Amino acid sequence: MTDLLVDHSRFTNGKFDGGFDQHGFLAKCSEPERPFLKELTSTQMWAGWISRRLASGEDSKDIVLFDEVIAQKLNRKTFTLSKTATPFLSLDFSEKGHYREVRVQDPPRGSVQA
């Protein structure tokens, strides 16, 4: 999916209806991709994504994650000396304090189990 949406942020701007230049975005896509991307960019979910992108900018973790996945993919594809940093993807969330350990207690003795 990130391959198809790699340039979508270039077409995100508050001056367009709904905050997204669908016509410009579809024009740069290859012909086989256009029907799917037209349907995708016409959904309420897409409108919500664009609204969040415009409202929160770079502060939203899901937007940062999506942008960094695209950057990481481009870093692997291109042969340039400068790569885009992806610090969010480099975070180690396995450290204590990031996730709470959940323990499941054994049922009380004598209880009926299905």
PDB file of N, CA and C in Angstrom:
ATOM      1  N   MET A   1       0.827  -1.194   0.000  1.00  0.00           N
ATOM      2  CA  MET A   1       0.000   0.000   0.000  1.00  0.00           C
ATOM      3  C   MET A   1       0.869   1.255   0.000  1.00  0.00           C
ATOM      4  N   THR A   2       1.980   1.215   0.739  1.00  0.00           N
ATOM      5  CA  THR A   2       2.826   2.415   0.781  1.00  0.00           C
ATOM      6  C   THR A   2       3.398   2.737  -0.592  1.00  0.00           C
ATOM      7  N   ASP A   3       3.608   1.715  -1.441  1.00  0.00           N
ATOM      8  CA  ASP A   3       4.079   1.980  -2.800  1.00  0.00           C
ATOM      9  C   ASP A   3       3.073   2.829  -3.573  1.00  0.00           C
ATOM     10  N   LEU A   4       1.803   2.571  -3.372  1.00  0.00           N
ATOM     11  CA  LEU A   4       0.765   3.306  -4.090  1.00  0.00           C
ATOM     12  C   LEU A   4       0.570   4.718  -3.550  1.00  0.00           C
ATOM     13  N   LEU A   5       0.841   4.912  -2.273  1.00  0.00           N
ATOM     14  CA  LEU A   5       0.558   6.198  -1.630  1.00  0.00           C
ATOM     15  C   LEU A   5       1.802   7.021  -1.334  1.00  0.00           C
ATOM     16  N   VAL A   6       2.922   6.664  -1.941  1.00  0.00           N
ATOM     17  CA  VAL A   6       4.194   7.306  -1.611  1.00  0.00           C
ATOM     18  C   VAL A   6       4.156   8.828  -1.803  1.00  0.00           C
ATOM     19  N   ASP A   7       3.419   9.317  -2.786  1.00  0.00           N
ATOM     20  CA  ASP A   7       3.377  10.756  -3.069  1.00  0.00           C
ATOM     21  C   ASP A   7       2.113  11.452  -2.572  1.00  0.00           C
ATOM     22  N   HIS A   8       1.289  10.772  -1.830  1.00  0.00           N
ATOM     23  CA  HIS A   8      -0.006  11.356  -1.487  1.00  0.00           C
ATOM     24  C   HIS A   8       0.109  12.659  -0.697  1.00  0.00           C
ATOM     25  N   SER A   9       1.136  12.804   0.133  1.00  0.00           N
ATOM     26  CA  SER A   9       1.241  14.020   0.954  1.00  0.00           C
ATOM     27  C   SER A   9       1.515  15.264   0.108  1.00  0.00           C
ATOM     28  N   ARG A  10       2.071  15.086  -1.086  1.00  0.00           N
ATOM     29  CA  ARG A  10       2.285  16.236  -1.984  1.00  0.00           C
ATOM     30  C   ARG A  10       0.968  16.814  -2.477  1.00  0.00           C
ATOM     31  N   PHE A  11      -0.099  16.033  -2.417  1.00  0.00           N
ATOM     32  CA  PHE A  11      -1.402  16.463  -2.906  1.00  0.00           C
ATOM     33  C   PHE A  11      -2.355  16.813  -1.772  1.00  0.00           C
ATOM     34  N   THR A  12      -1.825  16.859  -0.566  1.00  0.00           N
ATOM     35  CA  THR A  12      -2.610  17.212   0.611  1.00  0.00           C
ATOM     36  C   THR A  12      -2.409  18.686   0.897  1.00  0.00           C
ATOM     37  N   ASN A  13      -3.502  19.443   0.794  1.00  0.00           N
ATOM     38  CA  ASN A  13      -3.425  20.884   0.990  1.00  0.00           C
ATOM     39  C   ASN A  13      -4.826  21.382   1.306  1.00  0.00           C
ATOM     40  N   GLY A  14      -4.920  22.260   2.277  1.00  0.00           N
ATOM     41  CA  GLY A  14      -6.213  22.789   2.695  1.00  0.00           C
ATOM     42  C   GLY A  14      -6.946  23.573   1.632  1.00  0.00           C
ATOM     43  N   LYS A  15      -6.260  23.997   0.575  1.00  0.00           N
ATOM     44  CA  LYS A  15      -6.935  24.792  -0.465  1.00  0.00           C
ATOM     45  C   LYS A  15      -7.811  23.940  -1.383  1.00  0.00           C
ATOM     46  N   PHE A  16      -7.620  22.620  -1.371  1.00  0.00           N
ATOM     47  CA  PHE A  16      -8.436  21.733  -2.193  1.00  0.00           C
ATOM     48  C   PHE A  16      -9.677  21.300  -1.427  1.00  0.00           C
ATOM     49  N   ASP A  17     -10.724  20.970  -2.170  1.00  0.00           N
ATOM     50  CA  ASP A  17     -11.943  20.473  -1.556  1.00  0.00           C
ATOM     51  C   ASP A  17     -11.633  19.182  -0.813  1.00  0.00           C
ATOM     52  N   GLY A  18     -11.926  19.146   0.457  1.00  0.00           N
ATOM     53  CA  GLY A  18     -11.623  17.968   1.271  1.00  0.00           C
ATOM     54  C   GLY A  18     -10.160  17.880   1.659  1.00  0.00           C
ATOM     55  N   GLY A  19      -9.357  18.881   1.283  1.00  0.00           N
ATOM     56  CA  GLY A  19      -7.953  18.908   1.675  1.00  0.00           C
ATOM     57  C   GLY A  19      -7.038  18.061   0.814  1.00  0.00           C
ATOM     58  N   PHE A  20      -7.564  17.515  -0.286  1.00  0.00           N
ATOM     59  CA  PHE A  20      -6.766  16.599  -1.108  1.00  0.00           C
ATOM     60  C   PHE A  20      -7.061  16.827  -2.585  1.00  0.00           C
ATOM     61  N   ASP A  21      -6.006  16.938  -3.392  1.00  0.00           N
ATOM     62  CA  ASP A  21      -6.126  17.099  -4.839  1.00  0.00           C
ATOM     63  C   ASP A  21      -6.204  15.714  -5.483  1.00  0.00           C
ATOM     64  N   GLN A  22      -7.400  15.151  -5.485  1.00  0.00           N
ATOM     65  CA  GLN A  22      -7.589  13.803  -6.015  1.00  0.00           C
ATOM     66  C   GLN A  22      -7.251  13.750  -7.506  1.00  0.00           C
ATOM     67  N   HIS A  23      -7.663  14.754  -8.256  1.00  0.00           N
ATOM     68  CA  HIS A  23      -7.405  14.762  -9.700  1.00  0.00           C
ATOM     69  C   HIS A  23      -5.899  14.755  -9.986  1.00  0.00           C
ATOM     70  N   GLY A  24      -5.151  15.603  -9.306  1.00  0.00           N
ATOM     71  CA  GLY A  24      -3.701  15.654  -9.496  1.00  0.00           C
ATOM     72  C   GLY A  24      -3.020  14.357  -9.076  1.00  0.00           C
ATOM     73  N   PHE A  25      -3.468  13.791  -7.961  1.00  0.00           N
ATOM     74  CA  PHE A  25      -2.899  12.546  -7.465  1.00  0.00           C
ATOM     75  C   PHE A  25      -3.128  11.408  -8.451  1.00  0.00           C
ATOM     76  N   LEU A  26      -4.360  11.296  -8.948  1.00  0.00           N
ATOM     77  CA  LEU A  26      -4.679  10.221  -9.886  1.00  0.00           C
ATOM     78  C   LEU A  26      -3.963  10.405 -11.221  1.00  0.00           C
ATOM     79  N   ALA A  27      -3.727  11.650 -11.616  1.00  0.00           N
ATOM     80  CA  ALA A  27      -3.044  11.911 -12.884  1.00  0.00           C
ATOM     81  C   ALA A  27      -1.608  11.399 -12.864  1.00  0.00           C
ATOM     82  N   LYS A  28      -0.964  11.408 -11.720  1.00  0.00           N
ATOM     83  CA  LYS A  28       0.426  10.940 -11.647  1.00  0.00           C
ATOM     84  C   LYS A  28       0.526   9.419 -11.473  1.00  0.00           C
ATOM     85  N   CYS A  29      -0.589   8.767 -11.170  1.00  0.00           N
ATOM     86  CA  CYS A  29      -0.597   7.313 -10.980  1.00  0.00           C
ATOM     87  C   CYS A  29      -0.660   6.591 -12.325  1.00  0.00           C
ATOM     88  N   SER A  30      -0.178   5.364 -12.333  1.00  0.00           N
ATOM     89  CA  SER A  30      -0.257   4.581 -13.563  1.00  0.00           C
ATOM     90  C   SER A  30      -1.713   4.173 -13.815  1.00  0.00           C
ATOM     91  N   GLU A  31      -2.029   3.920 -15.047  1.00  0.00           N
ATOM     92  CA  GLU A  31      -3.397   3.593 -15.456  1.00  0.00           C
ATOM     93  C   GLU A  31      -3.991   2.405 -14.696  1.00  0.00           C
ATOM     94  N   PRO A  32      -3.252   1.298 -14.501  1.00  0.00           N
ATOM     95  CA  PRO A  32      -3.846   0.168 -13.768  1.00  0.00           C
ATOM     96  C   PRO A  32      -4.172   0.479 -12.303  1.00  0.00           C
ATOM     97  N   GLU A  33      -3.471   1.428 -11.702  1.00  0.00           N
ATOM     98  CA  GLU A  33      -3.695   1.765 -10.292  1.00  0.00           C
ATOM     99  C   GLU A  33      -4.866   2.716 -10.093  1.00  0.00           C
ATOM    100  N   ARG A  34      -5.221   3.467 -11.105  1.00  0.00           N
ATOM    101  CA  ARG A  34      -6.207   4.549 -10.959  1.00  0.00           C
ATOM    102  C   ARG A  34      -7.575   4.112 -10.434  1.00  0.00           C
ATOM    103  N   PRO A  35      -8.182   3.043 -10.947  1.00  0.00           N
ATOM    104  CA  PRO A  35      -9.516   2.684 -10.425  1.00  0.00           C
ATOM    105  C   PRO A  35      -9.505   2.409  -8.919  1.00  0.00           C
ATOM    106  N   PHE A  36      -8.514   1.657  -8.459  1.00  0.00           N
ATOM    107  CA  PHE A  36      -8.438   1.357  -7.025  1.00  0.00           C
ATOM    108  C   PHE A  36      -8.202   2.633  -6.215  1.00  0.00           C
ATOM    109  N   LEU A  37      -7.247   3.453  -6.653  1.00  0.00           N
ATOM    110  CA  LEU A  37      -6.921   4.667  -5.905  1.00  0.00           C
ATOM    111  C   LEU A  37      -8.057   5.690  -5.946  1.00  0.00           C
ATOM    112  N   LYS A  38      -8.810   5.708  -7.031  1.00  0.00           N
ATOM    113  CA  LYS A  38      -9.969   6.604  -7.090  1.00  0.00           C
ATOM    114  C   LYS A  38     -10.994   6.189  -6.046  1.00  0.00           C
ATOM    115  N   GLU A  39     -11.255   4.888  -5.944  1.00  0.00           N
ATOM    116  CA  GLU A  39     -12.196   4.391  -4.932  1.00  0.00           C
ATOM    117  C   GLU A  39     -11.665   4.667  -3.519  1.00  0.00           C
ATOM    118  N   LEU A  40     -10.394   4.380  -3.303  1.00  0.00           N
ATOM    119  CA  LEU A  40      -9.793   4.593  -1.984  1.00  0.00           C
ATOM    120  C   LEU A  40      -9.890   6.046  -1.550  1.00  0.00           C
ATOM    121  N   THR A  41      -9.511   6.959  -2.446  1.00  0.00           N
ATOM    122  CA  THR A  41      -9.482   8.383  -2.092  1.00  0.00           C
ATOM    123  C   THR A  41     -10.878   9.012  -2.088  1.00  0.00           C
ATOM    124  N   SER A  42     -11.908   8.226  -2.371  1.00  0.00           N
ATOM    125  CA  SER A  42     -13.288   8.718  -2.310  1.00  0.00           C
ATOM    126  C   SER A  42     -14.006   8.258  -1.044  1.00  0.00           C
ATOM    127  N   THR A  43     -13.327   7.511  -0.196  1.00  0.00           N
ATOM    128  CA  THR A  43     -13.972   6.966   1.003  1.00  0.00           C
ATOM    129  C   THR A  43     -13.961   7.953   2.158  1.00  0.00           C
ATOM    130  N   GLN A  44     -14.848   7.712   3.126  1.00  0.00           N
ATOM    131  CA  GLN A  44     -14.871   8.518   4.341  1.00  0.00           C
ATOM    132  C   GLN A  44     -13.591   8.306   5.154  1.00  0.00           C
ATOM    133  N   MET A  45     -13.061   7.087   5.124  1.00  0.00           N
ATOM    134  CA  MET A  45     -11.840   6.820   5.864  1.00  0.00           C
ATOM    135  C   MET A  45     -10.688   7.678   5.324  1.00  0.00           C
ATOM    136  N   TRP A  46     -10.603   7.801   4.005  1.00  0.00           N
ATOM    137  CA  TRP A  46      -9.565   8.629   3.404  1.00  0.00           C
ATOM    138  C   TRP A  46      -9.764  10.096   3.801  1.00  0.00           C
ATOM    139  N   ALA A  47     -10.999  10.559   3.758  1.00  0.00           N
ATOM    140  CA  ALA A  47     -11.289  11.942   4.152  1.00  0.00           C
ATOM    141  C   ALA A  47     -10.867  12.180   5.605  1.00  0.00           C
ATOM    142  N   GLY A  48     -11.119  11.191   6.467  1.00  0.00           N
ATOM    143  CA  GLY A  48     -10.690  11.305   7.868  1.00  0.00           C
ATOM    144  C   GLY A  48      -9.177  11.342   8.000  1.00  0.00           C
ATOM    145  N   TRP A  49      -8.494  10.506   7.216  1.00  0.00           N
ATOM    146  CA  TRP A  49      -7.023  10.481   7.222  1.00  0.00           C
ATOM    147  C   TRP A  49      -6.469  11.847   6.807  1.00  0.00           C
ATOM    148  N   ILE A  50      -7.013  12.416   5.740  1.00  0.00           N
ATOM    149  CA  ILE A  50      -6.547  13.709   5.251  1.00  0.00           C
ATOM    150  C   ILE A  50      -6.852  14.796   6.276  1.00  0.00           C
ATOM    151  N   SER A  51      -8.023  14.751   6.881  1.00  0.00           N
ATOM    152  CA  SER A  51      -8.374  15.745   7.911  1.00  0.00           C
ATOM    153  C   SER A  51      -7.410  15.690   9.080  1.00  0.00           C
ATOM    154  N   ARG A  52      -7.106  14.463   9.549  1.00  0.00           N
ATOM    155  CA  ARG A  52      -6.137  14.319  10.653  1.00  0.00           C
ATOM    156  C   ARG A  52      -4.765  14.804  10.235  1.00  0.00           C
ATOM    157  N   ARG A  53      -4.387  14.510   9.006  1.00  0.00           N
ATOM    158  CA  ARG A  53      -3.075  14.919   8.502  1.00  0.00           C
ATOM    159  C   ARG A  53      -2.974  16.453   8.484  1.00  0.00           C
ATOM    160  N   LEU A  54      -4.022  17.117   8.047  1.00  0.00           N
ATOM    161  CA  LEU A  54      -4.011  18.573   7.988  1.00  0.00           C
ATOM    162  C   LEU A  54      -4.093  19.203   9.383  1.00  0.00           C
ATOM    163  N   ALA A  55      -4.896  18.595  10.256  1.00  0.00           N
ATOM    164  CA  ALA A  55      -5.111  19.163  11.586  1.00  0.00           C
ATOM    165  C   ALA A  55      -3.920  18.955  12.516  1.00  0.00           C
ATOM    166  N   SER A  56      -3.336  17.769  12.487  1.00  0.00           N
ATOM    167  CA  SER A  56      -2.285  17.468  13.462  1.00  0.00           C
ATOM    168  C   SER A  56      -0.884  17.607  12.895  1.00  0.00           C
ATOM    169  N   GLY A  57      -0.750  17.658  11.595  1.00  0.00           N
ATOM    170  CA  GLY A  57       0.577  17.796  10.997  1.00  0.00           C
ATOM    171  C   GLY A  57       1.467  16.635  11.353  1.00  0.00           C
ATOM    172  N   GLU A  58       2.621  16.935  11.882  1.00  0.00           N
ATOM    173  CA  GLU A  58       3.615  15.913  12.193  1.00  0.00           C
ATOM    174  C   GLU A  58       3.500  15.390  13.624  1.00  0.00           C
ATOM    175  N   ASP A  59       2.481  15.813  14.371  1.00  0.00           N
ATOM    176  CA  ASP A  59       2.374  15.427  15.775  1.00  0.00           C
ATOM    177  C   ASP A  59       1.712  14.081  16.003  1.00  0.00           C
ATOM    178  N   SER A  60       0.951  13.605  15.072  1.00  0.00           N
ATOM    179  CA  SER A  60       0.220  12.363  15.251  1.00  0.00           C
ATOM    180  C   SER A  60       1.123  11.158  14.991  1.00  0.00           C
ATOM    181  N   LYS A  61       1.123  10.211  15.910  1.00  0.00           N
ATOM    182  CA  LYS A  61       2.008   9.046  15.793  1.00  0.00           C
ATOM    183  C   LYS A  61       1.677   8.187  14.577  1.00  0.00           C
ATOM    184  N   ASP A  62       0.393   8.056  14.238  1.00  0.00           N
ATOM    185  CA  ASP A  62       0.064   7.238  13.075  1.00  0.00           C
ATOM    186  C   ASP A  62       0.535   7.891  11.777  1.00  0.00           C
ATOM    187  N   ILE A  63       0.508   9.211  11.724  1.00  0.00           N
ATOM    188  CA  ILE A  63       1.005   9.918  10.543  1.00  0.00           C
ATOM    189  C   ILE A  63       2.521   9.814  10.464  1.00  0.00           C
ATOM    190  N   VAL A  64       3.202   9.994  11.599  1.00  0.00           N
ATOM    191  CA  VAL A  64       4.662   9.851  11.632  1.00  0.00           C
ATOM    192  C   VAL A  64       5.050   8.436  11.214  1.00  0.00           C
ATOM    193  N   LEU A  65       4.354   7.446  11.746  1.00  0.00           N
ATOM    194  CA  LEU A  65       4.643   6.059  11.398  1.00  0.00           C
ATOM    195  C   LEU A  65       4.478   5.828   9.892  1.00  0.00           C
ATOM    196  N   PHE A  66       3.358   6.268   9.340  1.00  0.00           N
ATOM    197  CA  PHE A  66       3.107   6.070   7.911  1.00  0.00           C
ATOM    198  C   PHE A  66       4.177   6.764   7.067  1.00  0.00           C
ATOM    199  N   ASP A  67       4.499   8.011   7.408  1.00  0.00           N
ATOM    200  CA  ASP A  67       5.515   8.752   6.654  1.00  0.00           C
ATOM    201  C   ASP A  67       6.884   8.091   6.743  1.00  0.00           C
ATOM    202  N   GLU A  68       7.216   7.563   7.912  1.00  0.00           N
ATOM    203  CA  GLU A  68       8.524   6.922   8.068  1.00  0.00           C
ATOM    204  C   GLU A  68       8.588   5.572   7.365  1.00  0.00           C
ATOM    205  N   VAL A  69       7.483   4.853   7.296  1.00  0.00           N
ATOM    206  CA  VAL A  69       7.469   3.607   6.533  1.00  0.00           C
ATOM    207  C   VAL A  69       7.714   3.921   5.055  1.00  0.00           C
ATOM    208  N   ILE A  70       7.098   4.981   4.557  1.00  0.00           N
ATOM    209  CA  ILE A  70       7.334   5.403   3.176  1.00  0.00           C
ATOM    210  C   ILE A  70       8.797   5.817   3.004  1.00  0.00           C
ATOM    211  N   ALA A  71       9.327   6.614   3.940  1.00  0.00           N
ATOM    212  CA  ALA A  71      10.727   7.047   3.853  1.00  0.00           C
ATOM    213  C   ALA A  71      11.678   5.852   3.885  1.00  0.00           C
ATOM    214  N   GLN A  72      11.389   4.898   4.742  1.00  0.00           N
ATOM    215  CA  GLN A  72      12.232   3.706   4.832  1.00  0.00           C
ATOM    216  C   GLN A  72      12.215   2.926   3.515  1.00  0.00           C
ATOM    217  N   LYS A  73      11.051   2.822   2.922  1.00  0.00           N
ATOM    218  CA  LYS A  73      10.922   2.134   1.632  1.00  0.00           C
ATOM    219  C   LYS A  73      11.705   2.883   0.558  1.00  0.00           C
ATOM    220  N   LEU A  74      11.607   4.211   0.538  1.00  0.00           N
ATOM    221  CA  LEU A  74      12.352   5.002  -0.441  1.00  0.00           C
ATOM    222  C   LEU A  74      13.853   4.920  -0.192  1.00  0.00           C
ATOM    223  N   ASN A  75      14.258   4.856   1.070  1.00  0.00           N
ATOM    224  CA  ASN A  75      15.679   4.720   1.401  1.00  0.00           C
ATOM    225  C   ASN A  75      16.252   3.428   0.814  1.00  0.00           C
ATOM    226  N   ARG A  76      15.449   2.385   0.808  1.00  0.00           N
ATOM    227  CA  ARG A  76      15.914   1.113   0.245  1.00  0.00           C
ATOM    228  C   ARG A  76      15.924   1.134  -1.275  1.00  0.00           C
ATOM    229  N   LYS A  77      15.037   1.917  -1.878  1.00  0.00           N
ATOM    230  CA  LYS A  77      14.912   1.943  -3.326  1.00  0.00           C
ATOM    231  C   LYS A  77      15.935   2.845  -4.016  1.00  0.00           C
ATOM    232  N   THR A  78      16.274   3.950  -3.399  1.00  0.00           N
ATOM    233  CA  THR A  78      17.093   4.949  -4.078  1.00  0.00           C
ATOM    234  C   THR A  78      18.564   4.780  -3.742  1.00  0.00           C
ATOM    235  N   PHE A  79      19.380   5.153  -4.693  1.00  0.00           N
ATOM    236  CA  PHE A  79      20.830   5.086  -4.522  1.00  0.00           C
ATOM    237  C   PHE A  79      21.381   6.494  -4.343  1.00  0.00           C
ATOM    238  N   THR A  80      21.061   7.099  -3.211  1.00  0.00           N
ATOM    239  CA  THR A  80      21.566   8.437  -2.916  1.00  0.00           C
ATOM    240  C   THR A  80      22.448   8.367  -1.687  1.00  0.00           C
ATOM    241  N   LEU A  81      23.289   9.365  -1.551  1.00  0.00           N
ATOM    242  CA  LEU A  81      24.160   9.416  -0.382  1.00  0.00           C
ATOM    243  C   LEU A  81      23.415   9.850   0.862  1.00  0.00           C
ATOM    244  N   SER A  82      22.370  10.625   0.684  1.00  0.00           N
ATOM    245  CA  SER A  82      21.603  11.063   1.852  1.00  0.00           C
ATOM    246  C   SER A  82      20.290  10.292   1.923  1.00  0.00           C
ATOM    247  N   LYS A  83      20.052   9.719   3.053  1.00  0.00           N
ATOM    248  CA  LYS A  83      18.818   8.970   3.303  1.00  0.00           C
ATOM    249  C   LYS A  83      17.975   9.762   4.293  1.00  0.00           C
ATOM    250  N   THR A  84      16.679   9.579   4.227  1.00  0.00           N
ATOM    251  CA  THR A  84      15.779  10.229   5.168  1.00  0.00           C
ATOM    252  C   THR A  84      15.805   9.457   6.483  1.00  0.00           C
ATOM    253  N   ALA A  85      15.994  10.182   7.568  1.00  0.00           N
ATOM    254  CA  ALA A  85      16.030   9.548   8.889  1.00  0.00           C
ATOM    255  C   ALA A  85      14.646   9.024   9.256  1.00  0.00           C
ATOM    256  N   THR A  86      14.622   7.910   9.959  1.00  0.00           N
ATOM    257  CA  THR A  86      13.365   7.310  10.437  1.00  0.00           C
ATOM    258  C   THR A  86      13.489   6.998  11.923  1.00  0.00           C
ATOM    259  N   PRO A  87      13.593   8.035  12.759  1.00  0.00           N
ATOM    260  CA  PRO A  87      13.814   7.797  14.190  1.00  0.00           C
ATOM    261  C   PRO A  87      12.648   7.092  14.884  1.00  0.00           C
ATOM    262  N   PHE A  88      11.433   7.329  14.441  1.00  0.00           N
ATOM    263  CA  PHE A  88      10.285   6.685  15.081  1.00  0.00           C
ATOM    264  C   PHE A  88      10.337   5.178  14.895  1.00  0.00           C
ATOM    265  N   LEU A  89      10.766   4.726  13.710  1.00  0.00           N
ATOM    266  CA  LEU A  89      10.859   3.293  13.448  1.00  0.00           C
ATOM    267  C   LEU A  89      12.016   2.654  14.199  1.00  0.00           C
ATOM    268  N   SER A  90      12.956   3.465  14.649  1.00  0.00           N
ATOM    269  CA  SER A  90      14.113   2.949  15.370  1.00  0.00           C
ATOM    270  C   SER A  90      13.881   2.825  16.873  1.00  0.00           C
ATOM    271  N   LEU A  91      12.740   3.305  17.356  1.00  0.00           N
ATOM    272  CA  LEU A  91      12.457   3.229  18.784  1.00  0.00           C
ATOM    273  C   LEU A  91      12.285   1.785  19.222  1.00  0.00           C
ATOM    274  N   ASP A  92      12.757   1.496  20.413  1.00  0.00           N
ATOM    275  CA  ASP A  92      12.604   0.154  20.975  1.00  0.00           C
ATOM    276  C   ASP A  92      11.476   0.204  22.000  1.00  0.00           C
ATOM    277  N   PHE A  93      10.350  -0.343  21.638  1.00  0.00           N
ATOM    278  CA  PHE A  93       9.191  -0.330  22.520  1.00  0.00           C
ATOM    279  C   PHE A  93       9.152  -1.528  23.452  1.00  0.00           C
ATOM    280  N   SER A  94      10.200  -2.321  23.461  1.00  0.00           N
ATOM    281  CA  SER A  94      10.209  -3.494  24.319  1.00  0.00           C
ATOM    282  C   SER A  94      10.694  -3.179  25.731  1.00  0.00           C
ATOM    283  N   GLU A  95      11.194  -1.964  25.947  1.00  0.00           N
ATOM    284  CA  GLU A  95      11.687  -1.596  27.281  1.00  0.00           C
ATOM    285  C   GLU A  95      10.533  -1.564  28.272  1.00  0.00           C
ATOM    286  N   LYS A  96      10.853  -1.827  29.544  1.00  0.00           N
ATOM    287  CA  LYS A  96       9.817  -1.767  30.581  1.00  0.00           C
ATOM    288  C   LYS A  96       9.247  -0.364  30.640  1.00  0.00           C
ATOM    289  N   GLY A  97       7.986  -0.287  30.896  1.00  0.00           N
ATOM    290  CA  GLY A  97       7.332   0.999  30.993  1.00  0.00           C
ATOM    291  C   GLY A  97       6.545   1.353  29.739  1.00  0.00           C
ATOM    292  N   HIS A  98       6.906   0.779  28.601  1.00  0.00           N
ATOM    293  CA  HIS A  98       6.166   1.074  27.381  1.00  0.00           C
ATOM    294  C   HIS A  98       4.942   0.176  27.268  1.00  0.00           C
ATOM    295  N   TYR A  99       5.068  -1.050  27.689  1.00  0.00           N
ATOM    296  CA  TYR A  99       3.942  -1.968  27.656  1.00  0.00           C
ATOM    297  C   TYR A  99       3.700  -2.510  29.058  1.00  0.00           C
ATOM    298  N   ARG A 100       2.453  -2.617  29.420  1.00  0.00           N
ATOM    299  CA  ARG A 100       2.110  -3.194  30.706  1.00  0.00           C
ATOM    300  C   ARG A 100       1.956  -4.686  30.547  1.00  0.00           C
ATOM    301  N   GLU A 101       2.518  -5.413  31.466  1.00  0.00           N
ATOM    302  CA  GLU A 101       2.363  -6.862  31.439  1.00  0.00           C
ATOM    303  C   GLU A 101       0.979  -7.214  31.958  1.00  0.00           C
ATOM    304  N   VAL A 102       0.283  -8.042  31.226  1.00  0.00           N
ATOM    305  CA  VAL A 102      -1.059  -8.460  31.619  1.00  0.00           C
ATOM    306  C   VAL A 102      -0.987  -9.906  32.060  1.00  0.00           C
ATOM    307  N   ARG A 103      -1.457 -10.174  33.244  1.00  0.00           N
ATOM    308  CA  ARG A 103      -1.475 -11.533  33.769  1.00  0.00           C
ATOM    309  C   ARG A 103      -2.910 -12.011  33.872  1.00  0.00           C
ATOM    310  N   VAL A 104      -3.116 -13.214  33.422  1.00  0.00           N
ATOM    311  CA  VAL A 104      -4.441 -13.818  33.501  1.00  0.00           C
ATOM    312  C   VAL A 104      -4.452 -14.736  34.711  1.00  0.00           C
ATOM    313  N   GLN A 105      -5.407 -14.501  35.597  1.00  0.00           N
ATOM    314  CA  GLN A 105      -5.488 -15.311  36.801  1.00  0.00           C
ATOM    315  C   GLN A 105      -6.210 -16.616  36.507  1.00  0.00           C
ATOM    316  N   ASP A 106      -5.803 -17.642  37.242  1.00  0.00           N
ATOM    317  CA  ASP A 106      -6.492 -18.916  37.130  1.00  0.00           C
ATOM    318  C   ASP A 106      -7.887 -18.764  37.725  1.00  0.00           C
ATOM    319  N   PRO A 107      -8.864 -19.469  37.144  1.00  0.00           N
ATOM    320  CA  PRO A 107     -10.214 -19.389  37.715  1.00  0.00           C
ATOM    321  C   PRO A 107     -10.224 -20.002  39.115  1.00  0.00           C
ATOM    322  N   PRO A 108     -11.122 -19.552  39.973  1.00  0.00           N
ATOM    323  CA  PRO A 108     -11.212 -20.112  41.319  1.00  0.00           C
ATOM    324  C   PRO A 108     -11.490 -21.609  41.264  1.00  0.00           C
ATOM    325  N   ARG A 109     -10.968 -22.322  42.230  1.00  0.00           N
ATOM    326  CA  ARG A 109     -11.191 -23.773  42.284  1.00  0.00           C
ATOM    327  C   ARG A 109     -12.668 -24.071  42.460  1.00  0.00           C
ATOM    328  N   GLY A 110     -13.091 -25.098  41.806  1.00  0.00           N
ATOM    329  CA  GLY A 110     -14.485 -25.514  41.925  1.00  0.00           C
ATOM    330  C   GLY A 110     -15.413 -24.813  40.950  1.00  0.00           C
ATOM    331  N   SER A 111     -14.904 -23.843  40.172  1.00  0.00           N
ATOM    332  CA  SER A 111     -15.774 -23.162  39.221  1.00  0.00           C
ATOM    333  C   SER A 111     -15.967 -24.021  37.979  1.00  0.00           C
ATOM    334  N   VAL A 112     -17.069 -23.845  37.322  1.00  0.00           N
ATOM    335  CA  VAL A 112     -17.391 -24.634  36.127  1.00  0.00           C
ATOM    336  C   VAL A 112     -16.812 -23.918  34.917  1.00  0.00           C
ATOM    337  N   GLN A 113     -16.115 -24.679  34.081  1.00  0.00           N
ATOM    338  CA  GLN A 113     -15.569 -24.106  32.853  1.00  0.00           C
ATOM    339  C   GLN A 113     -16.259 -24.744  31.664  1.00  0.00           C
ATOM    340  N   ALA A 114     -16.536 -23.957  30.662  1.00  0.00           N
ATOM    341  CA  ALA A 114     -17.211 -24.483  29.464  1.00  0.00           C
ATOM    342  C   ALA A 114     -16.226 -25.084  28.507  1.00  0.00           C
TER     343      ALA A 114
END
